[in-house]
Each structure stands twice: as structure tokens, then as C-alpha cells.
Amino acid sequence: MLFTLLGMQQKVLVGLLAKAWVWGYAFLHAAVLTLISCTIASLLDASSSMLLAISAVTATGSLFATPAIVRSVGLAPLEAMAMTIATTLLMPVVLYINLMLFQENAFSLDLVSYLQRLLIFIVGPMMFSALVYNLVPHDTLHRIHSKLSQVTIILVFSFPFGLIGPFRSIFDDSLLSAMNYFLIGLALCALFFVAGFLVYWRTDKNMALIAAITSANRNVLLTYTVAGSYLGPDFLIIMGALQLPTYTLPLFVRWLNGKLCEPQTEESSA
């Protein structure tokens, strides 16, 4: 977050957070996709534990690394940063409602840990970035930031490996069960991506891709930090299963962006 925020004007970012469309996206990201995904899971006769896990994933805000991923595929990260912050701020509300609906036992949210992470990953980096942006000449800052961006994307790609342990252990017990979890994770990621893309396709192609990436990347570790064992036994496994499609998403988006940007031939134009 810090490396990505360093290249942004914080006043512009705060201005974006005051826009209604950013919060409209956040509502789609969490509440609407909760309704869609849990309805589909119910129709497919998913267990109560799986429904709880799916509802927790859909309540989850976008991954903090999403703006860096957006930048890595050649898109502007400012809107993605605003959308990431908005979905993170909305997450506890939607997660609490989802737990009320799908958690049969008493539960509580660790809002102290949540607020600590807001300060560490969002508020602190924004304040530091605003200070640097005002003190460092913009040409110098641009050169430094272009170098830091190369390091940022490496960190982004290495992050998922720390979350796959519970999912990996399922392979030792049952390959069929492990593949079932993987397909659920892949289906969720695909649903989020397609929903974000289609909603914004008529507005702007680049915005559609940004919304799709932001929707598909989920900060499931933050959700686990806030709710922990109340998310049920399937959540940790789904969290690991989501990492492979998340890891490969930038490659797919770069390919898709290239296809969408290809100039039309005379035959296709006709």
C-alpha cells in the first residue's frame, strides 16, 4: 500500500472516497455478491459450514495489493485504491450481517485488530505519502516510485504462498475433496471478476477491468483476523484455494486487456 500510495495525490484519493459511485461499487462488492453467491450455493445444496465460509469471503474487502496489481497490468491504480479502501471500510458491517445470518452460535468481531490494521495499512501510509508528495520534487518521486513498483509486484506475487497451508493439507487426505475446494475457490473468483466486469463494461473498458480485478482480489486474511474461528472450518481451506486464481489473475487480465485493445480488422469492422 505504501509503495503504491507514494505515487498518488492524497487529496485526489480522498476526493474519490467522497464519490457515491465508489461506495456503490463497495456495496456491489460485498452485499450484492453475498446475495448472489450464497443464493447459488444454497441452490447447489451447500452445507451450512460452506455457506458461512462463502458469505465471509464475499463480505471481504479487496486485497491491499490490488492497486499494485492494477498498475502491473497497465491500468491506473487511483480508482482501484479508492475502491479497495471503501470495501475495507464496509467489510465489518457486511461481515457482521452475514455472520448473523449464517453463524448459528454466538460470535464477536475483533474490531481492535481491525482498527490497528487500518492504521498500519491505510491511514499511516496515506499520511506518510502525503508528506512525501509535498516535500519531494515530483520528478524525483516519479523516478523513485517507478523503481519501487518493480519491488512491489514481487511482494504481491510472493504473498499468497503463506496462506495455502490448510488447503494443501487436504490433498493428503483426499484428492477429490481438495479439487472440490479448488473448484469452489475458482468459481468464486470467476463470479466476482465477471460481475465487476459486466457492471462497468458499458461505462468504460478500463474501469470494467479495474472493477473486475478489485472484485476478484479478496483480503481474506484480514477477515480471518477480525472473525477467526467464527468463520467455520471451511473458511481457512477456501482461503487457501482462492490463492492460485488470485496469483494468476494479473496474467489473465494482461492477456484480456491485450485482446480488448486489439485494433479491429476491416472484416470485423464490417
C-alpha atoms as a PDB file:
ATOM      1  CA  MET A   1       0.000   0.000   0.000  1.00  0.00           C
ATOM      2  CA  LEU A   2       2.763   2.429   0.936  1.00  0.00           C
ATOM      3  CA  PHE A   3       4.755   1.947  -2.273  1.00  0.00           C
ATOM      4  CA  THR A   4       1.606   2.379  -4.374  1.00  0.00           C
ATOM      5  CA  LEU A   5       0.305   5.379  -2.401  1.00  0.00           C
ATOM      6  CA  LEU A   6       3.608   7.227  -2.802  1.00  0.00           C
ATOM      7  CA  GLY A   7       2.738   7.963  -6.428  1.00  0.00           C
ATOM      8  CA  MET A   8      -0.708   9.363  -5.681  1.00  0.00           C
ATOM      9  CA  GLN A   9      -2.050  12.743  -4.632  1.00  0.00           C
ATOM     10  CA  GLN A  10      -3.816  12.012  -1.370  1.00  0.00           C
ATOM     11  CA  LYS A  11      -6.254  14.915  -1.833  1.00  0.00           C
ATOM     12  CA  VAL A  12      -7.437  13.369  -5.085  1.00  0.00           C
ATOM     13  CA  LEU A  13      -7.763   9.969  -3.396  1.00  0.00           C
ATOM     14  CA  VAL A  14      -9.792  11.409  -0.510  1.00  0.00           C
ATOM     15  CA  GLY A  15     -11.935  13.227  -3.066  1.00  0.00           C
ATOM     16  CA  LEU A  16     -12.650   9.932  -4.799  1.00  0.00           C
ATOM     17  CA  LEU A  17     -13.696   8.395  -1.477  1.00  0.00           C
ATOM     18  CA  ALA A  18     -16.378  11.074  -1.252  1.00  0.00           C
ATOM     19  CA  LYS A  19     -17.893   9.968  -4.578  1.00  0.00           C
ATOM     20  CA  ALA A  20     -21.133   7.988  -4.484  1.00  0.00           C
ATOM     21  CA  TRP A  21     -20.020   5.573  -7.221  1.00  0.00           C
ATOM     22  CA  VAL A  22     -17.101   4.333  -5.085  1.00  0.00           C
ATOM     23  CA  TRP A  23     -19.475   3.320  -2.309  1.00  0.00           C
ATOM     24  CA  GLY A  24     -21.893   1.946  -4.878  1.00  0.00           C
ATOM     25  CA  TYR A  25     -19.095  -0.330  -6.034  1.00  0.00           C
ATOM     26  CA  ALA A  26     -18.328  -1.309  -2.424  1.00  0.00           C
ATOM     27  CA  PHE A  27     -21.983  -2.285  -1.934  1.00  0.00           C
ATOM     28  CA  LEU A  28     -21.829  -4.425  -5.088  1.00  0.00           C
ATOM     29  CA  HIS A  29     -18.510  -5.934  -3.982  1.00  0.00           C
ATOM     30  CA  ALA A  30     -19.816  -7.093  -0.606  1.00  0.00           C
ATOM     31  CA  ALA A  31     -23.601  -7.044  -0.214  1.00  0.00           C
ATOM     32  CA  VAL A  32     -24.802  -7.805  -3.749  1.00  0.00           C
ATOM     33  CA  LEU A  33     -22.219 -10.513  -4.351  1.00  0.00           C
ATOM     34  CA  THR A  34     -23.080 -12.049  -0.969  1.00  0.00           C
ATOM     35  CA  LEU A  35     -26.670 -12.374  -2.109  1.00  0.00           C
ATOM     36  CA  ILE A  36     -25.720 -13.831  -5.498  1.00  0.00           C
ATOM     37  CA  SER A  37     -23.064 -16.274  -4.309  1.00  0.00           C
ATOM     38  CA  CYS A  38     -24.994 -17.533  -1.286  1.00  0.00           C
ATOM     39  CA  THR A  39     -28.148 -17.982  -3.362  1.00  0.00           C
ATOM     40  CA  ILE A  40     -26.246 -20.079  -5.888  1.00  0.00           C
ATOM     41  CA  ALA A  41     -24.569 -22.082  -3.095  1.00  0.00           C
ATOM     42  CA  SER A  42     -27.953 -22.732  -1.449  1.00  0.00           C
ATOM     43  CA  LEU A  43     -29.429 -23.925  -4.729  1.00  0.00           C
ATOM     44  CA  LEU A  44     -26.478 -26.312  -5.064  1.00  0.00           C
ATOM     45  CA  ASP A  45     -27.249 -27.647  -1.560  1.00  0.00           C
ATOM     46  CA  ALA A  46     -24.049 -26.363   0.075  1.00  0.00           C
ATOM     47  CA  SER A  47     -23.511 -27.232   3.724  1.00  0.00           C
ATOM     48  CA  SER A  48     -24.071 -24.648   6.444  1.00  0.00           C
ATOM     49  CA  SER A  49     -20.310 -24.502   7.047  1.00  0.00           C
ATOM     50  CA  MET A  50     -19.638 -23.851   3.367  1.00  0.00           C
ATOM     51  CA  LEU A  51     -22.352 -21.175   3.219  1.00  0.00           C
ATOM     52  CA  LEU A  52     -20.752 -19.474   6.203  1.00  0.00           C
ATOM     53  CA  ALA A  53     -17.332 -19.557   4.524  1.00  0.00           C
ATOM     54  CA  ILE A  54     -18.680 -18.220   1.231  1.00  0.00           C
ATOM     55  CA  SER A  55     -20.571 -15.413   2.970  1.00  0.00           C
ATOM     56  CA  ALA A  56     -17.368 -14.431   4.788  1.00  0.00           C
ATOM     57  CA  VAL A  57     -15.359 -14.365   1.550  1.00  0.00           C
ATOM     58  CA  THR A  58     -17.949 -12.195  -0.188  1.00  0.00           C
ATOM     59  CA  ALA A  59     -18.037  -9.759   2.741  1.00  0.00           C
ATOM     60  CA  THR A  60     -14.263  -9.379   2.489  1.00  0.00           C
ATOM     61  CA  GLY A  61     -12.767  -6.133   1.223  1.00  0.00           C
ATOM     62  CA  SER A  62     -10.344  -6.036  -1.669  1.00  0.00           C
ATOM     63  CA  LEU A  63      -6.740  -7.096  -1.181  1.00  0.00           C
ATOM     64  CA  PHE A  64      -4.461  -4.224  -0.115  1.00  0.00           C
ATOM     65  CA  ALA A  65      -2.179  -5.165  -3.020  1.00  0.00           C
ATOM     66  CA  THR A  66      -4.960  -4.660  -5.594  1.00  0.00           C
ATOM     67  CA  PRO A  67      -3.798  -1.187  -6.746  1.00  0.00           C
ATOM     68  CA  ALA A  68      -0.305  -2.590  -7.345  1.00  0.00           C
ATOM     69  CA  ILE A  69      -1.790  -5.443  -9.381  1.00  0.00           C
ATOM     70  CA  VAL A  70      -3.869  -2.936 -11.365  1.00  0.00           C
ATOM     71  CA  ARG A  71      -0.731  -0.915 -12.063  1.00  0.00           C
ATOM     72  CA  SER A  72       1.168  -4.053 -13.134  1.00  0.00           C
ATOM     73  CA  VAL A  73      -1.280  -4.690 -15.992  1.00  0.00           C
ATOM     74  CA  GLY A  74      -1.002  -1.131 -17.305  1.00  0.00           C
ATOM     75  CA  LEU A  75      -4.098   0.414 -15.711  1.00  0.00           C
ATOM     76  CA  ALA A  76      -4.370   3.495 -13.468  1.00  0.00           C
ATOM     77  CA  PRO A  77      -4.373   2.443  -9.788  1.00  0.00           C
ATOM     78  CA  LEU A  78      -6.050   5.518  -8.257  1.00  0.00           C
ATOM     79  CA  GLU A  79      -9.632   4.282  -8.693  1.00  0.00           C
ATOM     80  CA  ALA A  80      -8.593   0.818  -7.520  1.00  0.00           C
ATOM     81  CA  MET A  81      -7.089   2.332  -4.377  1.00  0.00           C
ATOM     82  CA  ALA A  82     -10.312   4.205  -3.584  1.00  0.00           C
ATOM     83  CA  MET A  83     -12.375   1.068  -4.205  1.00  0.00           C
ATOM     84  CA  THR A  84     -10.034  -1.023  -2.054  1.00  0.00           C
ATOM     85  CA  ILE A  85     -10.289   1.393   0.871  1.00  0.00           C
ATOM     86  CA  ALA A  86     -14.089   1.654   0.548  1.00  0.00           C
ATOM     87  CA  THR A  87     -14.585  -2.129   0.518  1.00  0.00           C
ATOM     88  CA  THR A  88     -12.247  -2.485   3.505  1.00  0.00           C
ATOM     89  CA  LEU A  89     -14.237   0.090   5.484  1.00  0.00           C
ATOM     90  CA  LEU A  90     -17.546  -1.563   4.581  1.00  0.00           C
ATOM     91  CA  MET A  91     -16.314  -5.087   5.346  1.00  0.00           C
ATOM     92  CA  PRO A  92     -17.083  -5.238   9.119  1.00  0.00           C
ATOM     93  CA  VAL A  93     -20.684  -4.152   8.546  1.00  0.00           C
ATOM     94  CA  VAL A  94     -21.418  -6.744   5.868  1.00  0.00           C
ATOM     95  CA  LEU A  95     -19.430  -9.428   7.708  1.00  0.00           C
ATOM     96  CA  TYR A  96     -21.431  -8.827  10.897  1.00  0.00           C
ATOM     97  CA  ILE A  97     -24.717  -9.122   8.991  1.00  0.00           C
ATOM     98  CA  ASN A  98     -23.540 -12.278   7.211  1.00  0.00           C
ATOM     99  CA  LEU A  99     -22.478 -13.883  10.489  1.00  0.00           C
ATOM    100  CA  MET A 100     -25.885 -13.059  11.953  1.00  0.00           C
ATOM    101  CA  LEU A 101     -27.485 -14.876   9.027  1.00  0.00           C
ATOM    102  CA  PHE A 102     -25.191 -17.894   8.709  1.00  0.00           C
ATOM    103  CA  GLN A 103     -23.452 -18.387  12.080  1.00  0.00           C
ATOM    104  CA  GLU A 104     -25.690 -20.397  14.379  1.00  0.00           C
ATOM    105  CA  ASN A 105     -23.610 -19.755  17.504  1.00  0.00           C
ATOM    106  CA  ALA A 106     -22.705 -16.553  19.315  1.00  0.00           C
ATOM    107  CA  PHE A 107     -19.863 -14.562  17.750  1.00  0.00           C
ATOM    108  CA  SER A 108     -17.898 -11.347  18.074  1.00  0.00           C
ATOM    109  CA  LEU A 109     -15.601  -9.302  15.837  1.00  0.00           C
ATOM    110  CA  ASP A 110     -12.114  -8.241  16.850  1.00  0.00           C
ATOM    111  CA  LEU A 111     -12.502  -4.589  15.904  1.00  0.00           C
ATOM    112  CA  VAL A 112      -9.361  -3.595  17.804  1.00  0.00           C
ATOM    113  CA  SER A 113      -7.210  -5.688  15.455  1.00  0.00           C
ATOM    114  CA  TYR A 114      -9.216  -4.342  12.515  1.00  0.00           C
ATOM    115  CA  LEU A 115      -8.598  -0.725  13.523  1.00  0.00           C
ATOM    116  CA  GLN A 116      -4.921  -1.453  14.089  1.00  0.00           C
ATOM    117  CA  ARG A 117      -4.630  -2.764  10.542  1.00  0.00           C
ATOM    118  CA  LEU A 118      -6.473   0.255   9.183  1.00  0.00           C
ATOM    119  CA  LEU A 119      -3.894   2.470  10.853  1.00  0.00           C
ATOM    120  CA  ILE A 120      -0.958   0.358   9.700  1.00  0.00           C
ATOM    121  CA  PHE A 121      -2.012  -0.345   6.126  1.00  0.00           C
ATOM    122  CA  ILE A 122      -4.205   2.621   5.145  1.00  0.00           C
ATOM    123  CA  VAL A 123      -4.133   5.680   7.429  1.00  0.00           C
ATOM    124  CA  GLY A 124      -0.413   5.617   8.186  1.00  0.00           C
ATOM    125  CA  PRO A 125       0.713   5.095   4.554  1.00  0.00           C
ATOM    126  CA  MET A 126      -1.693   7.814   3.354  1.00  0.00           C
ATOM    127  CA  MET A 127      -0.312  10.350   5.836  1.00  0.00           C
ATOM    128  CA  PHE A 128       3.290   9.445   5.045  1.00  0.00           C
ATOM    129  CA  SER A 129       2.608   9.561   1.291  1.00  0.00           C
ATOM    130  CA  ALA A 130       1.002  12.992   1.574  1.00  0.00           C
ATOM    131  CA  LEU A 131       4.067  14.257   3.436  1.00  0.00           C
ATOM    132  CA  VAL A 132       6.497  12.796   0.874  1.00  0.00           C
ATOM    133  CA  TYR A 133       4.427  14.075  -2.054  1.00  0.00           C
ATOM    134  CA  ASN A 134       4.639  17.630  -0.712  1.00  0.00           C
ATOM    135  CA  LEU A 135       8.332  17.524   0.227  1.00  0.00           C
ATOM    136  CA  VAL A 136       9.980  15.570  -2.594  1.00  0.00           C
ATOM    137  CA  PRO A 137      10.172  17.057  -6.127  1.00  0.00           C
ATOM    138  CA  HIS A 138       7.690  15.280  -8.365  1.00  0.00           C
ATOM    139  CA  ASP A 139      10.263  14.249 -10.974  1.00  0.00           C
ATOM    140  CA  THR A 140      12.417  12.648  -8.298  1.00  0.00           C
ATOM    141  CA  LEU A 141       9.401  10.996  -6.696  1.00  0.00           C
ATOM    142  CA  HIS A 142       8.325   9.600 -10.068  1.00  0.00           C
ATOM    143  CA  ARG A 143      11.759   8.038 -10.666  1.00  0.00           C
ATOM    144  CA  ILE A 144      11.848   6.534  -7.174  1.00  0.00           C
ATOM    145  CA  HIS A 145       8.303   5.245  -7.486  1.00  0.00           C
ATOM    146  CA  SER A 146       8.981   3.564 -10.839  1.00  0.00           C
ATOM    147  CA  LYS A 147      11.786   1.599  -9.153  1.00  0.00           C
ATOM    148  CA  LEU A 148       9.706   0.751  -6.099  1.00  0.00           C
ATOM    149  CA  SER A 149       6.888  -0.550  -8.332  1.00  0.00           C
ATOM    150  CA  GLN A 150       9.165  -3.340  -9.527  1.00  0.00           C
ATOM    151  CA  VAL A 151       9.698  -4.471  -5.938  1.00  0.00           C
ATOM    152  CA  THR A 152       6.011  -4.091  -5.082  1.00  0.00           C
ATOM    153  CA  ILE A 153       4.789  -6.569  -7.681  1.00  0.00           C
ATOM    154  CA  ILE A 154       7.337  -9.156  -6.498  1.00  0.00           C
ATOM    155  CA  LEU A 155       5.961  -8.809  -2.966  1.00  0.00           C
ATOM    156  CA  VAL A 156       2.426  -9.155  -4.328  1.00  0.00           C
ATOM    157  CA  PHE A 157       3.243 -12.418  -6.094  1.00  0.00           C
ATOM    158  CA  SER A 158       5.007 -13.899  -3.047  1.00  0.00           C
ATOM    159  CA  PHE A 159       2.203 -13.093  -0.562  1.00  0.00           C
ATOM    160  CA  PRO A 160      -0.281 -15.926  -1.404  1.00  0.00           C
ATOM    161  CA  PHE A 161       2.179 -18.694  -0.579  1.00  0.00           C
ATOM    162  CA  GLY A 162       1.739 -18.031   3.138  1.00  0.00           C
ATOM    163  CA  LEU A 163      -1.999 -18.774   3.056  1.00  0.00           C
ATOM    164  CA  ILE A 164      -2.256 -22.153   1.320  1.00  0.00           C
ATOM    165  CA  GLY A 165      -1.270 -24.424   4.233  1.00  0.00           C
ATOM    166  CA  PRO A 166      -4.768 -25.602   5.321  1.00  0.00           C
ATOM    167  CA  PHE A 167      -5.770 -26.114   1.683  1.00  0.00           C
ATOM    168  CA  ARG A 168      -2.566 -28.045   0.910  1.00  0.00           C
ATOM    169  CA  SER A 169      -3.154 -30.444   3.807  1.00  0.00           C
ATOM    170  CA  ILE A 170      -6.471 -31.549   2.289  1.00  0.00           C
ATOM    171  CA  PHE A 171      -4.561 -33.187  -0.589  1.00  0.00           C
ATOM    172  CA  ASP A 172      -3.035 -35.654   1.875  1.00  0.00           C
ATOM    173  CA  ASP A 173      -6.485 -36.845   2.928  1.00  0.00           C
ATOM    174  CA  SER A 174      -8.471 -36.753  -0.304  1.00  0.00           C
ATOM    175  CA  LEU A 175      -7.521 -35.513  -3.761  1.00  0.00           C
ATOM    176  CA  LEU A 176     -11.199 -35.375  -4.748  1.00  0.00           C
ATOM    177  CA  SER A 177     -12.062 -33.209  -1.743  1.00  0.00           C
ATOM    178  CA  ALA A 178      -9.113 -30.911  -2.435  1.00  0.00           C
ATOM    179  CA  MET A 179     -10.147 -30.460  -6.060  1.00  0.00           C
ATOM    180  CA  ASN A 180     -13.694 -29.735  -4.931  1.00  0.00           C
ATOM    181  CA  TYR A 181     -12.437 -26.907  -2.693  1.00  0.00           C
ATOM    182  CA  PHE A 182     -10.246 -25.617  -5.505  1.00  0.00           C
ATOM    183  CA  LEU A 183     -13.203 -25.514  -7.917  1.00  0.00           C
ATOM    184  CA  ILE A 184     -15.272 -23.621  -5.341  1.00  0.00           C
ATOM    185  CA  GLY A 185     -12.478 -21.078  -4.920  1.00  0.00           C
ATOM    186  CA  LEU A 186     -12.061 -20.772  -8.680  1.00  0.00           C
ATOM    187  CA  ALA A 187     -15.824 -20.367  -9.168  1.00  0.00           C
ATOM    188  CA  LEU A 188     -15.983 -17.608  -6.534  1.00  0.00           C
ATOM    189  CA  CYS A 189     -13.060 -15.755  -8.071  1.00  0.00           C
ATOM    190  CA  ALA A 190     -14.617 -16.063 -11.541  1.00  0.00           C
ATOM    191  CA  LEU A 191     -18.019 -14.888 -10.289  1.00  0.00           C
ATOM    192  CA  PHE A 192     -16.506 -11.832  -8.619  1.00  0.00           C
ATOM    193  CA  PHE A 193     -14.426 -10.984 -11.688  1.00  0.00           C
ATOM    194  CA  VAL A 194     -17.276 -11.362 -14.185  1.00  0.00           C
ATOM    195  CA  ALA A 195     -19.724  -9.415 -12.007  1.00  0.00           C
ATOM    196  CA  GLY A 196     -17.369  -6.462 -11.640  1.00  0.00           C
ATOM    197  CA  PHE A 197     -16.516  -6.524 -15.330  1.00  0.00           C
ATOM    198  CA  LEU A 198     -20.087  -6.675 -16.617  1.00  0.00           C
ATOM    199  CA  VAL A 199     -21.450  -3.974 -14.304  1.00  0.00           C
ATOM    200  CA  TYR A 200     -18.895  -1.423 -15.533  1.00  0.00           C
ATOM    201  CA  TRP A 201     -18.451  -2.596 -19.126  1.00  0.00           C
ATOM    202  CA  ARG A 202     -20.875  -0.052 -20.566  1.00  0.00           C
ATOM    203  CA  THR A 203     -19.192   2.753 -18.613  1.00  0.00           C
ATOM    204  CA  ASP A 204     -15.591   2.235 -19.693  1.00  0.00           C
ATOM    205  CA  LYS A 205     -13.473  -0.751 -20.682  1.00  0.00           C
ATOM    206  CA  ASN A 206     -10.584   0.190 -18.397  1.00  0.00           C
ATOM    207  CA  MET A 207     -12.967   0.818 -15.495  1.00  0.00           C
ATOM    208  CA  ALA A 208     -14.542  -2.591 -16.126  1.00  0.00           C
ATOM    209  CA  LEU A 209     -11.142  -4.276 -15.850  1.00  0.00           C
ATOM    210  CA  ILE A 210     -10.270  -2.312 -12.703  1.00  0.00           C
ATOM    211  CA  ALA A 211     -13.603  -3.263 -11.098  1.00  0.00           C
ATOM    212  CA  ALA A 212     -13.115  -6.906 -12.110  1.00  0.00           C
ATOM    213  CA  ILE A 213      -9.625  -7.077 -10.575  1.00  0.00           C
ATOM    214  CA  THR A 214     -10.744  -5.287  -7.416  1.00  0.00           C
ATOM    215  CA  SER A 215     -13.729  -7.575  -7.040  1.00  0.00           C
ATOM    216  CA  ALA A 216     -11.781 -10.808  -7.587  1.00  0.00           C
ATOM    217  CA  ASN A 217      -8.948  -9.966  -5.157  1.00  0.00           C
ATOM    218  CA  ARG A 218     -10.118 -10.539  -1.587  1.00  0.00           C
ATOM    219  CA  ASN A 219      -8.253  -9.720   1.633  1.00  0.00           C
ATOM    220  CA  VAL A 220      -9.331 -12.956   3.303  1.00  0.00           C
ATOM    221  CA  LEU A 221      -6.514 -12.781   5.852  1.00  0.00           C
ATOM    222  CA  LEU A 222      -7.955  -9.543   7.258  1.00  0.00           C
ATOM    223  CA  THR A 223     -11.380 -11.156   7.522  1.00  0.00           C
ATOM    224  CA  TYR A 224      -9.870 -14.095   9.392  1.00  0.00           C
ATOM    225  CA  THR A 225      -8.054 -11.677  11.713  1.00  0.00           C
ATOM    226  CA  VAL A 226     -11.348  -9.963  12.531  1.00  0.00           C
ATOM    227  CA  ALA A 227     -13.596 -13.028  12.937  1.00  0.00           C
ATOM    228  CA  GLY A 228     -11.263 -16.033  13.348  1.00  0.00           C
ATOM    229  CA  SER A 229     -12.868 -19.331  14.296  1.00  0.00           C
ATOM    230  CA  TYR A 230     -16.375 -17.876  13.956  1.00  0.00           C
ATOM    231  CA  LEU A 231     -15.950 -18.259  10.176  1.00  0.00           C
ATOM    232  CA  GLY A 232     -16.182 -22.046  10.418  1.00  0.00           C
ATOM    233  CA  PRO A 233     -13.842 -24.898   9.418  1.00  0.00           C
ATOM    234  CA  ASP A 234     -14.211 -24.418   5.673  1.00  0.00           C
ATOM    235  CA  PHE A 235     -13.056 -20.809   5.590  1.00  0.00           C
ATOM    236  CA  LEU A 236      -9.319 -21.472   6.011  1.00  0.00           C
ATOM    237  CA  ILE A 237      -9.436 -24.091   3.243  1.00  0.00           C
ATOM    238  CA  ILE A 238     -11.330 -21.782   0.890  1.00  0.00           C
ATOM    239  CA  MET A 239      -8.886 -19.017   1.790  1.00  0.00           C
ATOM    240  CA  GLY A 240      -6.040 -21.202   0.539  1.00  0.00           C
ATOM    241  CA  ALA A 241      -7.958 -22.377  -2.524  1.00  0.00           C
ATOM    242  CA  LEU A 242      -8.512 -18.768  -3.594  1.00  0.00           C
ATOM    243  CA  GLN A 243      -4.785 -18.032  -3.757  1.00  0.00           C
ATOM    244  CA  LEU A 244      -3.997 -19.746  -7.076  1.00  0.00           C
ATOM    245  CA  PRO A 245      -6.612 -17.865  -9.128  1.00  0.00           C
ATOM    246  CA  THR A 246      -5.621 -14.674  -7.300  1.00  0.00           C
ATOM    247  CA  TYR A 247      -1.974 -15.325  -8.127  1.00  0.00           C
ATOM    248  CA  THR A 248      -2.651 -15.886 -11.834  1.00  0.00           C
ATOM    249  CA  LEU A 249      -5.184 -13.054 -12.182  1.00  0.00           C
ATOM    250  CA  PRO A 250      -2.667 -10.401 -13.386  1.00  0.00           C
ATOM    251  CA  LEU A 251      -1.557 -12.708 -16.223  1.00  0.00           C
ATOM    252  CA  PHE A 252      -5.157 -13.305 -17.291  1.00  0.00           C
ATOM    253  CA  VAL A 253      -6.050  -9.603 -17.107  1.00  0.00           C
ATOM    254  CA  ARG A 254      -2.967  -8.613 -19.116  1.00  0.00           C
ATOM    255  CA  TRP A 255      -3.995 -11.134 -21.792  1.00  0.00           C
ATOM    256  CA  LEU A 256      -7.621  -9.947 -21.718  1.00  0.00           C
ATOM    257  CA  ASN A 257      -6.580  -6.301 -21.860  1.00  0.00           C
ATOM    258  CA  GLY A 258      -4.469  -7.059 -24.929  1.00  0.00           C
ATOM    259  CA  LYS A 259      -7.427  -8.734 -26.618  1.00  0.00           C
ATOM    260  CA  LEU A 260      -9.760  -5.850 -25.851  1.00  0.00           C
ATOM    261  CA  CYS A 261      -7.226  -3.330 -27.136  1.00  0.00           C
ATOM    262  CA  GLU A 262      -6.543  -5.129 -30.419  1.00  0.00           C
ATOM    263  CA  PRO A 263      -7.453  -2.933 -33.408  1.00  0.00           C
ATOM    264  CA  GLN A 264     -10.364  -4.176 -35.423  1.00  0.00           C
ATOM    265  CA  THR A 265      -9.705  -5.543 -38.911  1.00  0.00           C
ATOM    266  CA  GLU A 266     -11.745  -4.442 -41.884  1.00  0.00           C
ATOM    267  CA  GLU A 267     -13.670  -7.740 -41.780  1.00  0.00           C
ATOM    268  CA  SER A 268     -14.517  -7.428 -38.084  1.00  0.00           C
ATOM    269  CA  SER A 269     -15.484  -3.783 -38.566  1.00  0.00           C
ATOM    270  CA  ALA A 270     -17.834  -4.764 -41.354  1.00  0.00           C
END
